[in-house]
Structure formats: structure tokens, C-alpha cells
Amino acid sequence: MKNGHICALIPAFNAESSLGEVIDRTKKFIQRVIVVNDGSTDHTGEVARSHGVELIAIPSNRGKGYALRLGFSHALSNGCSAIVTLDADGQHDPADIPKFLRAHDQDSGAILIGSRMAEADRFPRQRYYSNQAAVFFISKALGQHLEDTQCGFRLYPSRVLRQIALTTCHFQTETEVLLRGARQGVRLRSVPVKNIYVNGNAPRSNFRPVVDTFYICLVVLQGYLGIL
């Protein structure tokens, strides 16, 4: 498993309580970690710096998609061959990273998307149904079925990101990259990952159910119409 030129990218907003552990556990598998501090008002930046990462600071909160795009640009400009993305809130288990690395060894040109469906029973009922609705419509727009379209635990080959021009700034960016990639013939593969809920609740998320769902739906509609 060759991961010397693979980096981990963690967008973070007000994640001081969880970020340090996520970084430390990620470094067991990937030494190079990039944290994008998306205008946090707590001590997220200080935590990241104390854990020895490459830190990018955004003065004010711009959204997860913007943070990802900034992190992608930094990684691509600094020799990363592939980028593993995971959240700062503890919703993704870094112990699953080797699964992505093995799948990348087998298919280095594919975008790898974490799938929580092997543990679908851990979803709260409302989250499960909203996830399945997203899977249905996004898979239709992609022209292929994906098990879990909403999971941000992913691996992106750098050469794929270089050929995709992203324009969005919030949670819809993770859908945009799939739609644009699929349009260019990029393979999309699922990788099983843990579904982390404690007593039926996920770690605190910055996802805004109404606004961000609207943005995702708009991107999906653009994908259907072929104007994305």
C-alpha cells in the first residue's frame, strides 16, 4: 500500500472538541494532513496547529464546499497524488482509511465514496429516508447507482480533480464533483465505512436541512438537464 503522496484533507468549522483526535487517528494512516479552518470562532485553528498539520485559515465562514476547494487547490499545488477527505466532527472513523487506500491501489483513477449502507440500521429513521431519496435522485442524474451519495468520507485522485472545475461553495459541492466527474467518464466506486451514531444521534453537524438540501437539489436538477 503506497500512500507517501496521498494526503488527508479535513475541512473544519468550530470543531475544537473533536478535531485533535481526528487528526491524531488520521496520522496513523496518512502522515500529511491538511486542515482548512473555515472561519471558526472557537479554538479550531489553535488545535490544528498544535497537532502539526498544514493549516489553511479562511477569515470568515464560507461553507464546506469552499473549504474543500481551497484544500484541493493547496494539495494539487503541493504534490499530492490523491486526497482523502473526512469530517472534523468525528462522524468518519479514520480506521477506515486503509479501505480507501487498498481500493485506490486497485483502481487509481476512480473517485471512492464511503458507503454507510452496510450499517443502515444505525441511521435514525428520518435520516435514512432522506439519504435514500438523495441516493435515488443523484444516482439517476449520474446514470449509475451509488450506495451512499451523501457521505463526505472519500478519496479523490488528483488527476481527476485537475480536470473538474468546481463552482459551488456549500454542501452541494460533494454532489457537484460526482456529477461533473461522471460526465467526464470518471469511475465512481463505493467503499464500506462505519456509520457512526451514538444513541441514535450523529456528531454535531453544520448541515442546514432546508437551505443545504435546496442547494443539493438545484445541483441535481442541473445534472438532469445537462447544464452543470
C-alpha atoms as a PDB file:
ATOM      1  CA  MET A   1       0.000   0.000   0.000  1.00  0.00           C
ATOM      2  CA  LYS A   2       1.791   3.130  -1.227  1.00  0.00           C
ATOM      3  CA  ASN A   3       0.469   6.296   0.369  1.00  0.00           C
ATOM      4  CA  GLY A   4       3.526   8.549   0.565  1.00  0.00           C
ATOM      5  CA  HIS A   5       1.992  11.122  -1.797  1.00  0.00           C
ATOM      6  CA  ILE A   6      -1.572  10.798  -0.507  1.00  0.00           C
ATOM      7  CA  CYS A   7      -2.805  13.491   1.834  1.00  0.00           C
ATOM      8  CA  ALA A   8      -5.817  13.833   4.105  1.00  0.00           C
ATOM      9  CA  LEU A   9      -7.994  16.937   3.895  1.00  0.00           C
ATOM     10  CA  ILE A  10     -10.190  17.952   6.826  1.00  0.00           C
ATOM     11  CA  PRO A  11     -12.492  20.985   6.482  1.00  0.00           C
ATOM     12  CA  ALA A  12     -13.245  22.282   9.975  1.00  0.00           C
ATOM     13  CA  PHE A  13     -15.683  24.786  11.431  1.00  0.00           C
ATOM     14  CA  ASN A  14     -15.918  25.220  15.212  1.00  0.00           C
ATOM     15  CA  ALA A  15     -14.573  21.716  15.770  1.00  0.00           C
ATOM     16  CA  GLU A  16     -12.163  22.306  18.662  1.00  0.00           C
ATOM     17  CA  SER A  17     -13.595  19.464  20.765  1.00  0.00           C
ATOM     18  CA  SER A  18     -13.176  16.721  18.158  1.00  0.00           C
ATOM     19  CA  LEU A  19     -10.530  17.868  15.685  1.00  0.00           C
ATOM     20  CA  GLY A  20      -7.421  16.873  17.659  1.00  0.00           C
ATOM     21  CA  GLU A  21      -8.491  13.243  17.967  1.00  0.00           C
ATOM     22  CA  VAL A  22      -9.485  13.101  14.284  1.00  0.00           C
ATOM     23  CA  ILE A  23      -6.052  14.414  13.280  1.00  0.00           C
ATOM     24  CA  ASP A  24      -4.137  12.033  15.539  1.00  0.00           C
ATOM     25  CA  ARG A  25      -6.088   8.999  14.360  1.00  0.00           C
ATOM     26  CA  THR A  26      -5.784  10.044  10.717  1.00  0.00           C
ATOM     27  CA  LYS A  27      -1.998  10.352  11.039  1.00  0.00           C
ATOM     28  CA  LYS A  28      -1.759   6.661  11.903  1.00  0.00           C
ATOM     29  CA  PHE A  29      -2.522   6.004   8.224  1.00  0.00           C
ATOM     30  CA  ILE A  30      -1.687   9.225   6.352  1.00  0.00           C
ATOM     31  CA  GLN A  31       1.125  11.424   7.620  1.00  0.00           C
ATOM     32  CA  ARG A  32       0.312  14.500   5.571  1.00  0.00           C
ATOM     33  CA  VAL A  33      -2.834  16.177   6.896  1.00  0.00           C
ATOM     34  CA  ILE A  34      -4.287  19.465   5.638  1.00  0.00           C
ATOM     35  CA  VAL A  35      -6.864  21.261   7.786  1.00  0.00           C
ATOM     36  CA  VAL A  36      -8.918  24.114   6.362  1.00  0.00           C
ATOM     37  CA  ASN A  37     -10.205  26.256   9.222  1.00  0.00           C
ATOM     38  CA  ASP A  38     -13.393  27.693   7.743  1.00  0.00           C
ATOM     39  CA  GLY A  39     -13.722  30.896   9.782  1.00  0.00           C
ATOM     40  CA  SER A  40     -14.126  29.166  13.149  1.00  0.00           C
ATOM     41  CA  THR A  41     -14.891  31.343  16.159  1.00  0.00           C
ATOM     42  CA  ASP A  42     -13.532  28.841  18.697  1.00  0.00           C
ATOM     43  CA  HIS A  43     -10.023  27.367  19.071  1.00  0.00           C
ATOM     44  CA  THR A  44     -10.146  25.126  15.993  1.00  0.00           C
ATOM     45  CA  GLY A  45      -7.125  26.836  14.435  1.00  0.00           C
ATOM     46  CA  GLU A  46      -5.016  26.506  17.579  1.00  0.00           C
ATOM     47  CA  VAL A  47      -5.926  22.824  17.938  1.00  0.00           C
ATOM     48  CA  ALA A  48      -4.965  22.128  14.324  1.00  0.00           C
ATOM     49  CA  ARG A  49      -1.665  23.986  14.641  1.00  0.00           C
ATOM     50  CA  SER A  50      -0.740  22.159  17.843  1.00  0.00           C
ATOM     51  CA  HIS A  51      -1.242  18.811  16.114  1.00  0.00           C
ATOM     52  CA  GLY A  52       1.265  19.565  13.366  1.00  0.00           C
ATOM     53  CA  VAL A  53      -0.866  19.842  10.241  1.00  0.00           C
ATOM     54  CA  GLU A  54      -0.729  22.061   7.179  1.00  0.00           C
ATOM     55  CA  LEU A  55      -3.228  24.734   8.189  1.00  0.00           C
ATOM     56  CA  ILE A  56      -5.191  26.940   5.806  1.00  0.00           C
ATOM     57  CA  ALA A  57      -7.187  29.680   7.514  1.00  0.00           C
ATOM     58  CA  ILE A  58     -10.257  31.322   5.986  1.00  0.00           C
ATOM     59  CA  PRO A  59     -11.056  34.625   7.764  1.00  0.00           C
ATOM     60  CA  SER A  60     -14.844  34.108   7.769  1.00  0.00           C
ATOM     61  CA  ASN A  61     -17.077  31.095   7.303  1.00  0.00           C
ATOM     62  CA  ARG A  62     -17.550  30.389   3.588  1.00  0.00           C
ATOM     63  CA  GLY A  63     -19.008  26.873   3.614  1.00  0.00           C
ATOM     64  CA  LYS A  64     -17.751  23.302   3.421  1.00  0.00           C
ATOM     65  CA  GLY A  65     -17.540  23.310  -0.371  1.00  0.00           C
ATOM     66  CA  TYR A  66     -15.406  26.422  -0.419  1.00  0.00           C
ATOM     67  CA  ALA A  67     -13.100  24.907   2.221  1.00  0.00           C
ATOM     68  CA  LEU A  68     -12.801  21.707   0.180  1.00  0.00           C
ATOM     69  CA  ARG A  69     -11.998  23.629  -2.999  1.00  0.00           C
ATOM     70  CA  LEU A  70      -9.310  25.634  -1.213  1.00  0.00           C
ATOM     71  CA  GLY A  71      -7.863  22.446   0.257  1.00  0.00           C
ATOM     72  CA  PHE A  72      -7.927  20.698  -3.129  1.00  0.00           C
ATOM     73  CA  SER A  73      -6.055  23.600  -4.713  1.00  0.00           C
ATOM     74  CA  HIS A  74      -3.402  23.537  -1.982  1.00  0.00           C
ATOM     75  CA  ALA A  75      -2.974  19.760  -2.247  1.00  0.00           C
ATOM     76  CA  LEU A  76      -2.765  19.788  -6.042  1.00  0.00           C
ATOM     77  CA  SER A  77      -0.160  22.551  -5.939  1.00  0.00           C
ATOM     78  CA  ASN A  78       1.952  20.676  -3.405  1.00  0.00           C
ATOM     79  CA  GLY A  79       2.470  17.247  -4.896  1.00  0.00           C
ATOM     80  CA  CYS A  80      -0.430  15.168  -3.563  1.00  0.00           C
ATOM     81  CA  SER A  81      -1.357  12.279  -5.868  1.00  0.00           C
ATOM     82  CA  ALA A  82      -4.686  11.626  -4.142  1.00  0.00           C
ATOM     83  CA  ILE A  83      -6.736  13.290  -1.412  1.00  0.00           C
ATOM     84  CA  VAL A  84      -8.752  11.568   1.312  1.00  0.00           C
ATOM     85  CA  THR A  85     -11.465  13.826   2.735  1.00  0.00           C
ATOM     86  CA  LEU A  86     -13.070  13.316   6.118  1.00  0.00           C
ATOM     87  CA  ASP A  87     -15.051  15.451   8.524  1.00  0.00           C
ATOM     88  CA  ALA A  88     -13.680  17.141  11.636  1.00  0.00           C
ATOM     89  CA  ASP A  89     -16.649  16.250  13.838  1.00  0.00           C
ATOM     90  CA  GLY A  90     -15.833  12.562  14.367  1.00  0.00           C
ATOM     91  CA  GLN A  91     -18.567  11.231  12.088  1.00  0.00           C
ATOM     92  CA  HIS A  92     -15.953   9.404   9.993  1.00  0.00           C
ATOM     93  CA  ASP A  93     -13.692   6.784  11.549  1.00  0.00           C
ATOM     94  CA  PRO A  94     -10.077   7.220  10.364  1.00  0.00           C
ATOM     95  CA  ALA A  95      -9.596   3.481  10.944  1.00  0.00           C
ATOM     96  CA  ASP A  96     -11.489   3.018   7.664  1.00  0.00           C
ATOM     97  CA  ILE A  97      -8.795   4.880   5.699  1.00  0.00           C
ATOM     98  CA  PRO A  98      -6.904   1.664   4.761  1.00  0.00           C
ATOM     99  CA  LYS A  99     -10.016   0.503   2.895  1.00  0.00           C
ATOM    100  CA  PHE A 100      -9.756   3.552   0.664  1.00  0.00           C
ATOM    101  CA  LEU A 101      -6.028   3.064   0.167  1.00  0.00           C
ATOM    102  CA  ARG A 102      -6.491  -0.572  -0.870  1.00  0.00           C
ATOM    103  CA  ALA A 103      -9.311   0.340  -3.262  1.00  0.00           C
ATOM    104  CA  HIS A 104      -7.149   3.124  -4.697  1.00  0.00           C
ATOM    105  CA  ASP A 105      -4.331   0.631  -5.286  1.00  0.00           C
ATOM    106  CA  GLN A 106      -6.799  -1.470  -7.285  1.00  0.00           C
ATOM    107  CA  ASP A 107      -8.318   1.414  -9.275  1.00  0.00           C
ATOM    108  CA  SER A 108      -6.226   4.573  -9.107  1.00  0.00           C
ATOM    109  CA  GLY A 109      -8.482   6.547 -11.448  1.00  0.00           C
ATOM    110  CA  ALA A 110     -11.764   6.207  -9.548  1.00  0.00           C
ATOM    111  CA  ILE A 111     -13.418   8.548  -7.077  1.00  0.00           C
ATOM    112  CA  LEU A 112     -14.081   6.444  -3.983  1.00  0.00           C
ATOM    113  CA  ILE A 113     -17.145   7.283  -1.893  1.00  0.00           C
ATOM    114  CA  GLY A 114     -17.737   5.965   1.603  1.00  0.00           C
ATOM    115  CA  SER A 115     -20.884   3.877   1.960  1.00  0.00           C
ATOM    116  CA  ARG A 116     -22.642   3.517   5.322  1.00  0.00           C
ATOM    117  CA  MET A 117     -25.274   1.158   3.934  1.00  0.00           C
ATOM    118  CA  ALA A 118     -23.804  -1.997   5.477  1.00  0.00           C
ATOM    119  CA  GLU A 119     -24.844  -0.437   8.789  1.00  0.00           C
ATOM    120  CA  ALA A 120     -28.012   1.255   7.550  1.00  0.00           C
ATOM    121  CA  ASP A 121     -29.873   0.181  10.680  1.00  0.00           C
ATOM    122  CA  ARG A 122     -27.808   2.744  12.622  1.00  0.00           C
ATOM    123  CA  PHE A 123     -29.448   5.642  10.783  1.00  0.00           C
ATOM    124  CA  PRO A 124     -32.260   7.429  12.611  1.00  0.00           C
ATOM    125  CA  ARG A 125     -35.370   6.757  10.529  1.00  0.00           C
ATOM    126  CA  GLN A 126     -35.719  10.296   9.168  1.00  0.00           C
ATOM    127  CA  ARG A 127     -32.044  10.447   8.160  1.00  0.00           C
ATOM    128  CA  TYR A 128     -32.296   7.055   6.473  1.00  0.00           C
ATOM    129  CA  TYR A 129     -35.245   8.056   4.298  1.00  0.00           C
ATOM    130  CA  SER A 130     -33.718  11.407   3.353  1.00  0.00           C
ATOM    131  CA  ASN A 131     -30.483   9.621   2.484  1.00  0.00           C
ATOM    132  CA  GLN A 132     -32.297   7.102   0.294  1.00  0.00           C
ATOM    133  CA  ALA A 133     -34.167   9.878  -1.503  1.00  0.00           C
ATOM    134  CA  ALA A 134     -30.838  11.553  -2.249  1.00  0.00           C
ATOM    135  CA  VAL A 135     -29.376   8.241  -3.428  1.00  0.00           C
ATOM    136  CA  PHE A 136     -32.293   7.733  -5.834  1.00  0.00           C
ATOM    137  CA  PHE A 137     -32.258  11.181  -7.454  1.00  0.00           C
ATOM    138  CA  ILE A 138     -28.499  11.666  -7.543  1.00  0.00           C
ATOM    139  CA  SER A 139     -27.973   8.162  -8.954  1.00  0.00           C
ATOM    140  CA  LYS A 140     -30.500   8.981 -11.680  1.00  0.00           C
ATOM    141  CA  ALA A 141     -28.608  12.162 -12.519  1.00  0.00           C
ATOM    142  CA  LEU A 142     -25.308  10.254 -12.501  1.00  0.00           C
ATOM    143  CA  GLY A 143     -26.630   7.494 -14.725  1.00  0.00           C
ATOM    144  CA  GLN A 144     -25.391   4.852 -12.293  1.00  0.00           C
ATOM    145  CA  HIS A 145     -26.330   3.628  -8.837  1.00  0.00           C
ATOM    146  CA  LEU A 146     -24.284   4.706  -5.833  1.00  0.00           C
ATOM    147  CA  GLU A 147     -24.950   3.183  -2.431  1.00  0.00           C
ATOM    148  CA  ASP A 148     -24.468   6.383  -0.407  1.00  0.00           C
ATOM    149  CA  THR A 149     -24.221   9.708  -2.209  1.00  0.00           C
ATOM    150  CA  GLN A 150     -24.105  11.922   0.891  1.00  0.00           C
ATOM    151  CA  CYS A 151     -21.041  10.559   2.669  1.00  0.00           C
ATOM    152  CA  GLY A 152     -18.139  13.026   2.690  1.00  0.00           C
ATOM    153  CA  PHE A 153     -15.572  10.329   3.550  1.00  0.00           C
ATOM    154  CA  ARG A 154     -13.952   9.953   0.125  1.00  0.00           C
ATOM    155  CA  LEU A 155     -10.778   9.571  -1.900  1.00  0.00           C
ATOM    156  CA  TYR A 156     -10.224  11.774  -4.936  1.00  0.00           C
ATOM    157  CA  PRO A 157      -7.354  11.085  -7.380  1.00  0.00           C
ATOM    158  CA  SER A 158      -5.536  14.348  -8.063  1.00  0.00           C
ATOM    159  CA  ARG A 159      -5.622  13.900 -11.833  1.00  0.00           C
ATOM    160  CA  VAL A 160      -9.424  13.678 -11.644  1.00  0.00           C
ATOM    161  CA  LEU A 161      -9.726  16.881  -9.629  1.00  0.00           C
ATOM    162  CA  ARG A 162      -7.488  18.695 -12.107  1.00  0.00           C
ATOM    163  CA  GLN A 163      -9.980  18.027 -14.893  1.00  0.00           C
ATOM    164  CA  ILE A 164     -13.058  19.141 -12.937  1.00  0.00           C
ATOM    165  CA  ALA A 165     -13.926  22.831 -12.489  1.00  0.00           C
ATOM    166  CA  LEU A 166     -15.973  23.218  -9.298  1.00  0.00           C
ATOM    167  CA  THR A 167     -18.140  26.302  -8.774  1.00  0.00           C
ATOM    168  CA  THR A 168     -20.236  25.708  -5.635  1.00  0.00           C
ATOM    169  CA  CYS A 169     -19.372  26.588  -2.037  1.00  0.00           C
ATOM    170  CA  HIS A 170     -21.553  24.670   0.401  1.00  0.00           C
ATOM    171  CA  PHE A 171     -22.620  21.067   0.987  1.00  0.00           C
ATOM    172  CA  GLN A 172     -23.679  20.659  -2.648  1.00  0.00           C
ATOM    173  CA  THR A 173     -20.016  20.681  -3.740  1.00  0.00           C
ATOM    174  CA  GLU A 174     -19.682  16.986  -2.865  1.00  0.00           C
ATOM    175  CA  THR A 175     -22.588  16.243  -5.205  1.00  0.00           C
ATOM    176  CA  GLU A 176     -21.228  18.584  -7.886  1.00  0.00           C
ATOM    177  CA  VAL A 177     -17.893  16.767  -8.057  1.00  0.00           C
ATOM    178  CA  LEU A 178     -19.665  13.434  -8.611  1.00  0.00           C
ATOM    179  CA  LEU A 179     -21.876  14.822 -11.374  1.00  0.00           C
ATOM    180  CA  ARG A 180     -19.036  16.581 -13.154  1.00  0.00           C
ATOM    181  CA  GLY A 181     -16.773  13.554 -12.783  1.00  0.00           C
ATOM    182  CA  ALA A 182     -19.373  11.131 -14.115  1.00  0.00           C
ATOM    183  CA  ARG A 183     -19.986  13.381 -17.106  1.00  0.00           C
ATOM    184  CA  GLN A 184     -16.293  13.072 -17.963  1.00  0.00           C
ATOM    185  CA  GLY A 185     -16.343   9.305 -17.630  1.00  0.00           C
ATOM    186  CA  VAL A 186     -14.676   9.093 -14.214  1.00  0.00           C
ATOM    187  CA  ARG A 187     -15.421   5.836 -12.408  1.00  0.00           C
ATOM    188  CA  LEU A 188     -17.314   6.128  -9.108  1.00  0.00           C
ATOM    189  CA  ARG A 189     -16.899   3.315  -6.587  1.00  0.00           C
ATOM    190  CA  SER A 190     -18.265   2.713  -3.104  1.00  0.00           C
ATOM    191  CA  VAL A 191     -16.137   1.765  -0.099  1.00  0.00           C
ATOM    192  CA  PRO A 192     -17.862   0.405   3.046  1.00  0.00           C
ATOM    193  CA  VAL A 193     -17.326   2.563   6.131  1.00  0.00           C
ATOM    194  CA  LYS A 194     -18.713   2.674   9.653  1.00  0.00           C
ATOM    195  CA  ASN A 195     -21.968   4.501  10.273  1.00  0.00           C
ATOM    196  CA  ILE A 196     -21.337   6.430  13.476  1.00  0.00           C
ATOM    197  CA  TYR A 197     -24.367   7.305  15.549  1.00  0.00           C
ATOM    198  CA  VAL A 198     -24.397   7.384  19.356  1.00  0.00           C
ATOM    199  CA  ASN A 199     -27.799   6.701  20.919  1.00  0.00           C
ATOM    200  CA  GLY A 200     -29.357   7.450  17.559  1.00  0.00           C
ATOM    201  CA  ASN A 201     -27.565  10.756  17.096  1.00  0.00           C
ATOM    202  CA  ALA A 202     -24.721  11.729  14.787  1.00  0.00           C
ATOM    203  CA  PRO A 203     -21.947  14.039  15.962  1.00  0.00           C
ATOM    204  CA  ARG A 204     -22.978  17.697  15.685  1.00  0.00           C
ATOM    205  CA  SER A 205     -23.199  18.780  12.066  1.00  0.00           C
ATOM    206  CA  ASN A 206     -23.221  22.202  10.399  1.00  0.00           C
ATOM    207  CA  PHE A 207     -25.584  20.925   7.683  1.00  0.00           C
ATOM    208  CA  ARG A 208     -28.620  23.201   7.326  1.00  0.00           C
ATOM    209  CA  PRO A 209     -31.501  20.861   6.395  1.00  0.00           C
ATOM    210  CA  VAL A 210     -33.619  23.337   4.404  1.00  0.00           C
ATOM    211  CA  VAL A 211     -31.016  25.595   2.773  1.00  0.00           C
ATOM    212  CA  ASP A 212     -28.398  22.943   2.009  1.00  0.00           C
ATOM    213  CA  THR A 213     -30.962  20.422   0.768  1.00  0.00           C
ATOM    214  CA  PHE A 214     -32.242  23.107  -1.618  1.00  0.00           C
ATOM    215  CA  TYR A 215     -28.722  23.715  -2.951  1.00  0.00           C
ATOM    216  CA  ILE A 216     -28.140  19.988  -3.437  1.00  0.00           C
ATOM    217  CA  CYS A 217     -31.453  19.626  -5.271  1.00  0.00           C
ATOM    218  CA  LEU A 218     -30.528  22.543  -7.526  1.00  0.00           C
ATOM    219  CA  VAL A 219     -27.226  20.889  -8.475  1.00  0.00           C
ATOM    220  CA  VAL A 220     -29.002  17.581  -9.126  1.00  0.00           C
ATOM    221  CA  LEU A 221     -31.554  19.341 -11.349  1.00  0.00           C
ATOM    222  CA  GLN A 222     -28.721  20.952 -13.302  1.00  0.00           C
ATOM    223  CA  GLY A 223     -27.221  17.483 -13.691  1.00  0.00           C
ATOM    224  CA  TYR A 224     -30.507  16.135 -15.047  1.00  0.00           C
ATOM    225  CA  LEU A 225     -30.768  18.995 -17.527  1.00  0.00           C
ATOM    226  CA  GLY A 226     -27.156  18.618 -18.588  1.00  0.00           C
ATOM    227  CA  ILE A 227     -26.272  22.234 -17.764  1.00  0.00           C
ATOM    228  CA  LEU A 228     -23.924  21.617 -14.837  1.00  0.00           C
END
